[in-house]
């Protein structure tokens, strides 16, 4: 298993959790982003920078991932594509996207997109809080523990 991180929108505190997990488990973790960012020097952590553009980073993740890999992203269309390829997808808030819930998430995303495009202010997600960080860390640990047993 490899971990692929949609790094442009991933909060720094979540990246730090991922960096510690990569070192602890020695699982290759690759951040994909369209801008430079700091990553620790490690044989298990790398940054792959793509050109700027709509969905360029997402497309690169989908191209590189294999069935059984883990993708960290809050991007619902990316999550859907990754699930189709057999990946596990975890949001930075700790929500596990699955075959059973991704269609509902896509429908809600499209509905909110339509509201926004018609001029309705739908607001954004609340700020990441301590409970979200703990949920993410717990879910990540659960996934990595299952992987270690496999």
C-alpha atoms as a PDB file:
ATOM      1  CA  UNK A   1       0.000   0.000   0.000  1.00  0.00           C
ATOM      2  CA  UNK A   2       1.051   3.559  -0.764  1.00  0.00           C
ATOM      3  CA  UNK A   3      -0.475   6.752   0.550  1.00  0.00           C
ATOM      4  CA  UNK A   4      -1.344   9.517  -1.934  1.00  0.00           C
ATOM      5  CA  UNK A   5      -2.143  12.959  -0.551  1.00  0.00           C
ATOM      6  CA  UNK A   6      -4.110  15.608  -2.425  1.00  0.00           C
ATOM      7  CA  UNK A   7      -1.781  18.104  -0.809  1.00  0.00           C
ATOM      8  CA  UNK A   8      -2.924  21.485  -2.140  1.00  0.00           C
ATOM      9  CA  UNK A   9      -5.984  21.600   0.124  1.00  0.00           C
ATOM     10  CA  UNK A  10      -4.768  19.281   2.879  1.00  0.00           C
ATOM     11  CA  UNK A  11      -4.358  21.137   6.194  1.00  0.00           C
ATOM     12  CA  UNK A  12      -0.839  21.330   7.619  1.00  0.00           C
ATOM     13  CA  UNK A  13      -1.794  19.545  10.849  1.00  0.00           C
ATOM     14  CA  UNK A  14      -3.106  16.595   8.831  1.00  0.00           C
ATOM     15  CA  UNK A  15       0.111  16.488   6.794  1.00  0.00           C
ATOM     16  CA  UNK A  16       2.087  16.355  10.057  1.00  0.00           C
ATOM     17  CA  UNK A  17       0.014  13.366  11.214  1.00  0.00           C
ATOM     18  CA  UNK A  18       0.693  11.696   7.860  1.00  0.00           C
ATOM     19  CA  UNK A  19       4.438  12.419   8.072  1.00  0.00           C
ATOM     20  CA  UNK A  20       4.641  10.765  11.512  1.00  0.00           C
ATOM     21  CA  UNK A  21       2.602   7.786  10.304  1.00  0.00           C
ATOM     22  CA  UNK A  22       4.803   7.346   7.213  1.00  0.00           C
ATOM     23  CA  UNK A  23       7.929   7.245   9.364  1.00  0.00           C
ATOM     24  CA  UNK A  24       6.363   4.909  11.944  1.00  0.00           C
ATOM     25  CA  UNK A  25       4.949   2.442   9.413  1.00  0.00           C
ATOM     26  CA  UNK A  26       7.550   2.945   6.669  1.00  0.00           C
ATOM     27  CA  UNK A  27       4.774   3.302   4.102  1.00  0.00           C
ATOM     28  CA  UNK A  28       5.628   5.352   1.013  1.00  0.00           C
ATOM     29  CA  UNK A  29       3.652   8.601   1.231  1.00  0.00           C
ATOM     30  CA  UNK A  30       3.534  10.953  -1.748  1.00  0.00           C
ATOM     31  CA  UNK A  31       2.097  14.438  -1.658  1.00  0.00           C
ATOM     32  CA  UNK A  32       0.824  15.643  -5.025  1.00  0.00           C
ATOM     33  CA  UNK A  33       0.520  19.421  -5.345  1.00  0.00           C
ATOM     34  CA  UNK A  34       0.659  22.186  -7.916  1.00  0.00           C
ATOM     35  CA  UNK A  35       2.979  24.312  -5.788  1.00  0.00           C
ATOM     36  CA  UNK A  36       6.132  23.729  -3.785  1.00  0.00           C
ATOM     37  CA  UNK A  37       5.794  22.871  -0.109  1.00  0.00           C
ATOM     38  CA  UNK A  38       7.988  21.688   2.706  1.00  0.00           C
ATOM     39  CA  UNK A  39       8.191  17.969   3.350  1.00  0.00           C
ATOM     40  CA  UNK A  40      10.519  16.220   5.772  1.00  0.00           C
ATOM     41  CA  UNK A  41      13.612  14.520   4.421  1.00  0.00           C
ATOM     42  CA  UNK A  42      12.672  10.875   4.520  1.00  0.00           C
ATOM     43  CA  UNK A  43      12.916   7.829   2.304  1.00  0.00           C
ATOM     44  CA  UNK A  44       9.174   7.348   2.944  1.00  0.00           C
ATOM     45  CA  UNK A  45       7.914  10.860   2.134  1.00  0.00           C
ATOM     46  CA  UNK A  46       8.037  12.632  -1.214  1.00  0.00           C
ATOM     47  CA  UNK A  47       6.478  15.557  -3.024  1.00  0.00           C
ATOM     48  CA  UNK A  48       5.484  15.399  -6.662  1.00  0.00           C
ATOM     49  CA  UNK A  49       4.742  18.829  -8.087  1.00  0.00           C
ATOM     50  CA  UNK A  50       2.395  19.057 -11.072  1.00  0.00           C
ATOM     51  CA  UNK A  51       1.579  22.004 -13.319  1.00  0.00           C
ATOM     52  CA  UNK A  52      -1.113  24.394 -12.171  1.00  0.00           C
ATOM     53  CA  UNK A  53      -4.508  23.733 -13.654  1.00  0.00           C
ATOM     54  CA  UNK A  54      -7.956  22.411 -12.935  1.00  0.00           C
ATOM     55  CA  UNK A  55      -7.801  18.821 -11.566  1.00  0.00           C
ATOM     56  CA  UNK A  56      -4.164  18.321 -12.657  1.00  0.00           C
ATOM     57  CA  UNK A  57      -3.146  17.041  -9.209  1.00  0.00           C
ATOM     58  CA  UNK A  58      -6.284  14.880  -8.967  1.00  0.00           C
ATOM     59  CA  UNK A  59      -5.641  13.343 -12.382  1.00  0.00           C
ATOM     60  CA  UNK A  60      -2.037  12.577 -11.391  1.00  0.00           C
ATOM     61  CA  UNK A  61      -3.158  10.798  -8.226  1.00  0.00           C
ATOM     62  CA  UNK A  62      -5.671   8.676 -10.154  1.00  0.00           C
ATOM     63  CA  UNK A  63      -3.030   7.851 -12.768  1.00  0.00           C
ATOM     64  CA  UNK A  64      -0.474   6.714 -10.176  1.00  0.00           C
ATOM     65  CA  UNK A  65      -2.569   4.882  -7.586  1.00  0.00           C
ATOM     66  CA  UNK A  66      -3.146   1.155  -7.451  1.00  0.00           C
ATOM     67  CA  UNK A  67      -5.884  -0.929  -5.915  1.00  0.00           C
ATOM     68  CA  UNK A  68      -5.297  -1.135  -2.170  1.00  0.00           C
ATOM     69  CA  UNK A  69      -3.638   2.280  -1.913  1.00  0.00           C
ATOM     70  CA  UNK A  70      -4.866   4.992   0.442  1.00  0.00           C
ATOM     71  CA  UNK A  71      -5.844   8.437  -0.848  1.00  0.00           C
ATOM     72  CA  UNK A  72      -6.183  11.434   1.459  1.00  0.00           C
ATOM     73  CA  UNK A  73      -8.532  14.003  -0.061  1.00  0.00           C
ATOM     74  CA  UNK A  74     -11.703  15.965   0.557  1.00  0.00           C
ATOM     75  CA  UNK A  75     -12.311  16.177  -3.206  1.00  0.00           C
ATOM     76  CA  UNK A  76     -15.441  14.105  -3.837  1.00  0.00           C
ATOM     77  CA  UNK A  77     -14.941  13.479  -7.591  1.00  0.00           C
ATOM     78  CA  UNK A  78     -11.339  12.399  -6.915  1.00  0.00           C
ATOM     79  CA  UNK A  79     -12.587  10.124  -4.132  1.00  0.00           C
ATOM     80  CA  UNK A  80     -15.106   8.536  -6.511  1.00  0.00           C
ATOM     81  CA  UNK A  81     -12.435   7.851  -9.141  1.00  0.00           C
ATOM     82  CA  UNK A  82     -10.029   6.449  -6.556  1.00  0.00           C
ATOM     83  CA  UNK A  83     -12.706   4.146  -5.127  1.00  0.00           C
ATOM     84  CA  UNK A  84     -13.455   2.906  -8.655  1.00  0.00           C
ATOM     85  CA  UNK A  85      -9.780   1.918  -8.919  1.00  0.00           C
ATOM     86  CA  UNK A  86      -9.954   0.007  -5.623  1.00  0.00           C
ATOM     87  CA  UNK A  87      -8.370   2.583  -3.319  1.00  0.00           C
ATOM     88  CA  UNK A  88      -9.413   3.497   0.196  1.00  0.00           C
ATOM     89  CA  UNK A  89     -10.208   7.206   0.550  1.00  0.00           C
ATOM     90  CA  UNK A  90     -10.049   9.176   3.785  1.00  0.00           C
ATOM     91  CA  UNK A  91     -10.917  12.853   4.095  1.00  0.00           C
ATOM     92  CA  UNK A  92      -8.775  15.191   6.225  1.00  0.00           C
ATOM     93  CA  UNK A  93     -11.708  15.278   8.669  1.00  0.00           C
ATOM     94  CA  UNK A  94     -11.553  11.507   9.078  1.00  0.00           C
ATOM     95  CA  UNK A  95     -14.554  10.584   6.939  1.00  0.00           C
ATOM     96  CA  UNK A  96     -14.048   7.312   5.126  1.00  0.00           C
ATOM     97  CA  UNK A  97     -15.488   7.469   1.625  1.00  0.00           C
ATOM     98  CA  UNK A  98     -16.771   4.104   0.456  1.00  0.00           C
ATOM     99  CA  UNK A  99     -18.617   2.475  -2.432  1.00  0.00           C
ATOM    100  CA  UNK A 100     -21.800   2.757  -0.345  1.00  0.00           C
ATOM    101  CA  UNK A 101     -21.576   6.471   0.511  1.00  0.00           C
ATOM    102  CA  UNK A 102     -19.708   8.108  -2.385  1.00  0.00           C
ATOM    103  CA  UNK A 103     -22.727   8.429  -4.708  1.00  0.00           C
ATOM    104  CA  UNK A 104     -24.659  10.321  -2.030  1.00  0.00           C
ATOM    105  CA  UNK A 105     -21.638  12.597  -1.466  1.00  0.00           C
ATOM    106  CA  UNK A 106     -21.391  13.265  -5.231  1.00  0.00           C
ATOM    107  CA  UNK A 107     -25.101  14.086  -5.402  1.00  0.00           C
ATOM    108  CA  UNK A 108     -24.836  16.510  -2.462  1.00  0.00           C
ATOM    109  CA  UNK A 109     -21.715  18.110  -3.931  1.00  0.00           C
ATOM    110  CA  UNK A 110     -23.461  18.641  -7.274  1.00  0.00           C
ATOM    111  CA  UNK A 111     -26.547  20.060  -5.537  1.00  0.00           C
ATOM    112  CA  UNK A 112     -24.431  22.547  -3.537  1.00  0.00           C
ATOM    113  CA  UNK A 113     -22.501  23.430  -6.697  1.00  0.00           C
ATOM    114  CA  UNK A 114     -25.788  24.239  -8.454  1.00  0.00           C
ATOM    115  CA  UNK A 115     -26.881  26.423  -5.535  1.00  0.00           C
ATOM    116  CA  UNK A 116     -23.590  28.334  -5.608  1.00  0.00           C
ATOM    117  CA  UNK A 117     -23.716  28.803  -9.379  1.00  0.00           C
ATOM    118  CA  UNK A 118     -27.201  30.297  -9.052  1.00  0.00           C
ATOM    119  CA  UNK A 119     -25.847  32.908  -6.620  1.00  0.00           C
ATOM    120  CA  UNK A 120     -26.831  31.361  -3.306  1.00  0.00           C
ATOM    121  CA  UNK A 121     -24.129  31.642  -0.634  1.00  0.00           C
ATOM    122  CA  UNK A 122     -23.840  28.178   0.868  1.00  0.00           C
ATOM    123  CA  UNK A 123     -20.866  29.007   3.081  1.00  0.00           C
ATOM    124  CA  UNK A 124     -17.953  26.680   3.408  1.00  0.00           C
ATOM    125  CA  UNK A 125     -17.041  23.880   5.750  1.00  0.00           C
ATOM    126  CA  UNK A 126     -16.295  24.785   9.361  1.00  0.00           C
ATOM    127  CA  UNK A 127     -12.668  25.177  10.402  1.00  0.00           C
ATOM    128  CA  UNK A 128     -10.812  21.968  11.162  1.00  0.00           C
ATOM    129  CA  UNK A 129     -10.973  21.417  14.917  1.00  0.00           C
ATOM    130  CA  UNK A 130      -9.330  19.140  17.466  1.00  0.00           C
ATOM    131  CA  UNK A 131     -12.112  16.556  17.192  1.00  0.00           C
ATOM    132  CA  UNK A 132     -11.599  16.410  13.402  1.00  0.00           C
ATOM    133  CA  UNK A 133      -7.859  15.873  13.886  1.00  0.00           C
ATOM    134  CA  UNK A 134      -8.487  13.073  16.361  1.00  0.00           C
ATOM    135  CA  UNK A 135     -11.064  11.441  14.092  1.00  0.00           C
ATOM    136  CA  UNK A 136      -8.596  11.581  11.186  1.00  0.00           C
ATOM    137  CA  UNK A 137      -5.718  10.178  13.268  1.00  0.00           C
ATOM    138  CA  UNK A 138      -7.918   7.371  14.652  1.00  0.00           C
ATOM    139  CA  UNK A 139      -9.220   6.395  11.193  1.00  0.00           C
ATOM    140  CA  UNK A 140      -5.715   6.516   9.713  1.00  0.00           C
ATOM    141  CA  UNK A 141      -4.380   4.332  12.512  1.00  0.00           C
ATOM    142  CA  UNK A 142      -7.217   1.846  11.987  1.00  0.00           C
ATOM    143  CA  UNK A 143      -6.483   1.635   8.224  1.00  0.00           C
ATOM    144  CA  UNK A 144      -2.731   1.260   8.771  1.00  0.00           C
ATOM    145  CA  UNK A 145      -3.226  -1.381  11.460  1.00  0.00           C
ATOM    146  CA  UNK A 146      -5.477  -3.390   9.118  1.00  0.00           C
ATOM    147  CA  UNK A 147      -2.827  -3.068   6.416  1.00  0.00           C
ATOM    148  CA  UNK A 148      -0.096  -4.328   8.737  1.00  0.00           C
ATOM    149  CA  UNK A 149      -2.176  -7.432   9.541  1.00  0.00           C
ATOM    150  CA  UNK A 150      -2.827  -8.202   5.854  1.00  0.00           C
END
